[in-house]
Amino acid sequence: MTKDGSEPVNLNRYRKEKARAKGKARANENSVKFGRTKAQKDAEHVDAERVRKLFDGHKRDAGEDDKT
């Protein structure tokens, strides 16, 4: 460091920090716009599993024919 306080500046570091901050801001906007909370994802998964089990329980066996 010189007497006047100036020192070399790494412009690549500042460019990358700026790009990182811009990307983080965009990610935050998208998470608000499109994101779901973990609780919402878990609830949707539980509901999908319940529906799958419901329909699996009502499937007909392949050997059963309703010919009368």
N, C-alpha and C. Protein backbone atom coordinates (compact mmCIF):
# COMPACT_ATOMS: atom_id res chain seq x y z
N MET A 1 0.85 -1.17 0.00
CA MET A 1 0.00 0.00 0.00
C MET A 1 0.90 1.24 0.00
N THR A 2 0.56 2.15 -0.86
CA THR A 2 1.37 3.36 -0.94
C THR A 2 0.87 4.39 0.06
N LYS A 3 1.58 5.47 0.10
CA LYS A 3 1.26 6.52 1.07
C LYS A 3 -0.13 7.14 0.84
N ASP A 4 -0.57 7.25 -0.43
CA ASP A 4 -1.87 7.87 -0.70
C ASP A 4 -3.03 6.88 -0.60
N GLY A 5 -2.79 5.61 -0.28
CA GLY A 5 -3.85 4.63 -0.06
C GLY A 5 -4.31 3.89 -1.30
N SER A 6 -3.68 4.13 -2.42
CA SER A 6 -4.10 3.44 -3.63
C SER A 6 -3.34 2.13 -3.77
N GLU A 7 -4.02 1.16 -4.30
CA GLU A 7 -3.39 -0.14 -4.56
C GLU A 7 -4.04 -0.72 -5.80
N PRO A 8 -3.40 -1.68 -6.42
CA PRO A 8 -3.98 -2.27 -7.65
C PRO A 8 -5.33 -2.92 -7.36
N VAL A 9 -6.23 -2.79 -8.32
CA VAL A 9 -7.57 -3.33 -8.17
C VAL A 9 -7.76 -4.46 -9.18
N ASN A 10 -8.28 -5.58 -8.72
CA ASN A 10 -8.54 -6.70 -9.60
C ASN A 10 -9.96 -6.52 -10.17
N LEU A 11 -10.04 -6.08 -11.41
CA LEU A 11 -11.34 -5.79 -12.02
C LEU A 11 -12.15 -7.07 -12.26
N ASN A 12 -11.47 -8.18 -12.47
CA ASN A 12 -12.19 -9.45 -12.68
C ASN A 12 -13.01 -9.81 -11.44
N ARG A 13 -12.44 -9.56 -10.27
CA ARG A 13 -13.15 -9.89 -9.03
C ARG A 13 -14.43 -9.06 -8.92
N TYR A 14 -14.35 -7.78 -9.23
CA TYR A 14 -15.53 -6.93 -9.15
C TYR A 14 -16.56 -7.29 -10.21
N ARG A 15 -16.09 -7.66 -11.40
CA ARG A 15 -17.01 -8.07 -12.47
C ARG A 15 -17.75 -9.34 -12.05
N LYS A 16 -17.03 -10.30 -11.49
CA LYS A 16 -17.65 -11.55 -11.06
C LYS A 16 -18.60 -11.33 -9.88
N GLU A 17 -18.23 -10.48 -8.95
CA GLU A 17 -19.11 -10.18 -7.82
C GLU A 17 -20.40 -9.53 -8.29
N LYS A 18 -20.29 -8.64 -9.25
CA LYS A 18 -21.47 -7.97 -9.79
C LYS A 18 -22.37 -8.98 -10.50
N ALA A 19 -21.79 -9.88 -11.28
CA ALA A 19 -22.58 -10.90 -11.98
C ALA A 19 -23.23 -11.85 -10.98
N ARG A 20 -22.51 -12.19 -9.92
CA ARG A 20 -23.05 -13.07 -8.89
C ARG A 20 -24.24 -12.42 -8.19
N ALA A 21 -24.11 -11.15 -7.87
CA ALA A 21 -25.19 -10.43 -7.19
C ALA A 21 -26.40 -10.32 -8.11
N LYS A 22 -26.17 -10.07 -9.39
CA LYS A 22 -27.26 -9.97 -10.36
C LYS A 22 -27.98 -11.31 -10.48
N GLY A 23 -27.22 -12.41 -10.54
CA GLY A 23 -27.81 -13.74 -10.62
C GLY A 23 -28.60 -14.09 -9.38
N LYS A 24 -28.08 -13.71 -8.22
CA LYS A 24 -28.79 -13.98 -6.96
C LYS A 24 -30.10 -13.20 -6.90
N ALA A 25 -30.08 -11.96 -7.36
CA ALA A 25 -31.30 -11.15 -7.37
C ALA A 25 -32.33 -11.77 -8.31
N ARG A 26 -31.90 -12.25 -9.46
CA ARG A 26 -32.81 -12.89 -10.41
C ARG A 26 -33.38 -14.17 -9.82
N ALA A 27 -32.54 -14.94 -9.15
CA ALA A 27 -33.00 -16.18 -8.52
C ALA A 27 -34.04 -15.89 -7.44
N ASN A 28 -33.83 -14.84 -6.67
CA ASN A 28 -34.80 -14.48 -5.64
C ASN A 28 -36.13 -14.06 -6.26
N GLU A 29 -36.08 -13.30 -7.36
CA GLU A 29 -37.31 -12.90 -8.04
C GLU A 29 -38.06 -14.13 -8.55
N ASN A 30 -37.32 -15.07 -9.15
CA ASN A 30 -37.96 -16.27 -9.68
C ASN A 30 -38.52 -17.15 -8.57
N SER A 31 -37.85 -17.20 -7.44
CA SER A 31 -38.36 -18.04 -6.35
C SER A 31 -39.66 -17.46 -5.81
N VAL A 32 -39.78 -16.15 -5.82
CA VAL A 32 -41.03 -15.52 -5.38
C VAL A 32 -42.12 -15.77 -6.42
N LYS A 33 -41.74 -15.66 -7.69
CA LYS A 33 -42.71 -15.78 -8.77
C LYS A 33 -43.18 -17.22 -8.96
N PHE A 34 -42.24 -18.16 -8.97
CA PHE A 34 -42.57 -19.55 -9.34
C PHE A 34 -42.38 -20.56 -8.22
N GLY A 35 -41.70 -20.19 -7.18
CA GLY A 35 -41.30 -21.15 -6.16
C GLY A 35 -42.43 -21.59 -5.25
N ARG A 36 -42.22 -22.75 -4.67
CA ARG A 36 -43.14 -23.27 -3.67
C ARG A 36 -42.33 -23.58 -2.42
N THR A 37 -42.97 -23.49 -1.28
CA THR A 37 -42.28 -23.80 -0.04
C THR A 37 -42.13 -25.32 0.08
N LYS A 38 -41.26 -25.73 0.97
CA LYS A 38 -41.06 -27.17 1.20
C LYS A 38 -42.36 -27.81 1.68
N ALA A 39 -43.11 -27.11 2.51
CA ALA A 39 -44.38 -27.64 3.00
C ALA A 39 -45.37 -27.85 1.85
N GLN A 40 -45.39 -26.92 0.90
CA GLN A 40 -46.29 -27.06 -0.25
C GLN A 40 -45.88 -28.26 -1.10
N LYS A 41 -44.57 -28.43 -1.31
CA LYS A 41 -44.09 -29.57 -2.10
C LYS A 41 -44.42 -30.88 -1.41
N ASP A 42 -44.21 -30.93 -0.08
CA ASP A 42 -44.51 -32.14 0.68
C ASP A 42 -46.00 -32.46 0.63
N ALA A 43 -46.84 -31.44 0.77
CA ALA A 43 -48.28 -31.65 0.74
C ALA A 43 -48.72 -32.16 -0.63
N GLU A 44 -48.14 -31.62 -1.68
CA GLU A 44 -48.48 -32.08 -3.03
C GLU A 44 -48.04 -33.53 -3.24
N HIS A 45 -46.87 -33.88 -2.70
CA HIS A 45 -46.37 -35.25 -2.82
C HIS A 45 -47.28 -36.22 -2.07
N VAL A 46 -47.71 -35.85 -0.88
CA VAL A 46 -48.60 -36.70 -0.08
C VAL A 46 -49.93 -36.88 -0.80
N ASP A 47 -50.46 -35.80 -1.35
CA ASP A 47 -51.73 -35.86 -2.07
C ASP A 47 -51.61 -36.75 -3.32
N ALA A 48 -50.52 -36.62 -4.06
CA ALA A 48 -50.31 -37.44 -5.25
C ALA A 48 -50.20 -38.91 -4.88
N GLU A 49 -49.52 -39.20 -3.78
CA GLU A 49 -49.39 -40.59 -3.33
C GLU A 49 -50.75 -41.15 -2.91
N ARG A 50 -51.57 -40.33 -2.24
CA ARG A 50 -52.91 -40.77 -1.83
C ARG A 50 -53.77 -41.09 -3.05
N VAL A 51 -53.70 -40.23 -4.06
CA VAL A 51 -54.48 -40.46 -5.28
C VAL A 51 -54.00 -41.72 -6.01
N ARG A 52 -52.67 -41.90 -6.05
CA ARG A 52 -52.12 -43.10 -6.71
C ARG A 52 -52.60 -44.36 -6.02
N LYS A 53 -52.57 -44.37 -4.70
CA LYS A 53 -53.03 -45.55 -3.96
C LYS A 53 -54.52 -45.78 -4.18
N LEU A 54 -55.29 -44.70 -4.23
CA LEU A 54 -56.72 -44.81 -4.44
C LEU A 54 -57.01 -45.47 -5.79
N PHE A 55 -56.35 -45.01 -6.83
CA PHE A 55 -56.58 -45.58 -8.16
C PHE A 55 -56.03 -46.99 -8.29
N ASP A 56 -54.89 -47.26 -7.66
CA ASP A 56 -54.34 -48.61 -7.70
C ASP A 56 -55.29 -49.60 -7.02
N GLY A 57 -55.97 -49.16 -6.00
CA GLY A 57 -56.91 -50.02 -5.30
C GLY A 57 -58.16 -50.31 -6.11
N HIS A 58 -58.45 -49.51 -7.11
CA HIS A 58 -59.65 -49.69 -7.91
C HIS A 58 -59.37 -50.30 -9.28
N LYS A 59 -58.13 -50.72 -9.52
CA LYS A 59 -57.80 -51.33 -10.80
C LYS A 59 -58.43 -52.71 -10.89
N ARG A 60 -58.82 -53.04 -12.07
CA ARG A 60 -59.34 -54.39 -12.31
C ARG A 60 -58.19 -55.31 -12.65
N ASP A 61 -58.32 -56.55 -12.27
CA ASP A 61 -57.29 -57.53 -12.61
C ASP A 61 -57.35 -57.81 -14.10
N ALA A 62 -56.25 -58.19 -14.69
CA ALA A 62 -56.19 -58.42 -16.13
C ALA A 62 -57.02 -59.65 -16.51
N GLY A 63 -57.18 -60.61 -15.62
CA GLY A 63 -57.90 -61.83 -15.93
C GLY A 63 -59.41 -61.71 -15.83
N GLU A 64 -59.90 -60.65 -15.22
CA GLU A 64 -61.34 -60.50 -15.03
C GLU A 64 -62.00 -59.93 -16.29
N ASP A 65 -63.03 -60.61 -16.76
CA ASP A 65 -63.82 -60.08 -17.87
C ASP A 65 -65.25 -59.96 -17.39
N ASP A 66 -65.92 -58.91 -17.81
CA ASP A 66 -67.30 -58.70 -17.41
C ASP A 66 -68.28 -59.18 -18.47
N LYS A 67 -67.94 -60.25 -19.15
CA LYS A 67 -68.85 -60.80 -20.16
C LYS A 67 -69.97 -61.54 -19.46
N THR A 68 -71.17 -61.20 -19.80
CA THR A 68 -72.31 -61.89 -19.18
C THR A 68 -73.16 -62.58 -20.22
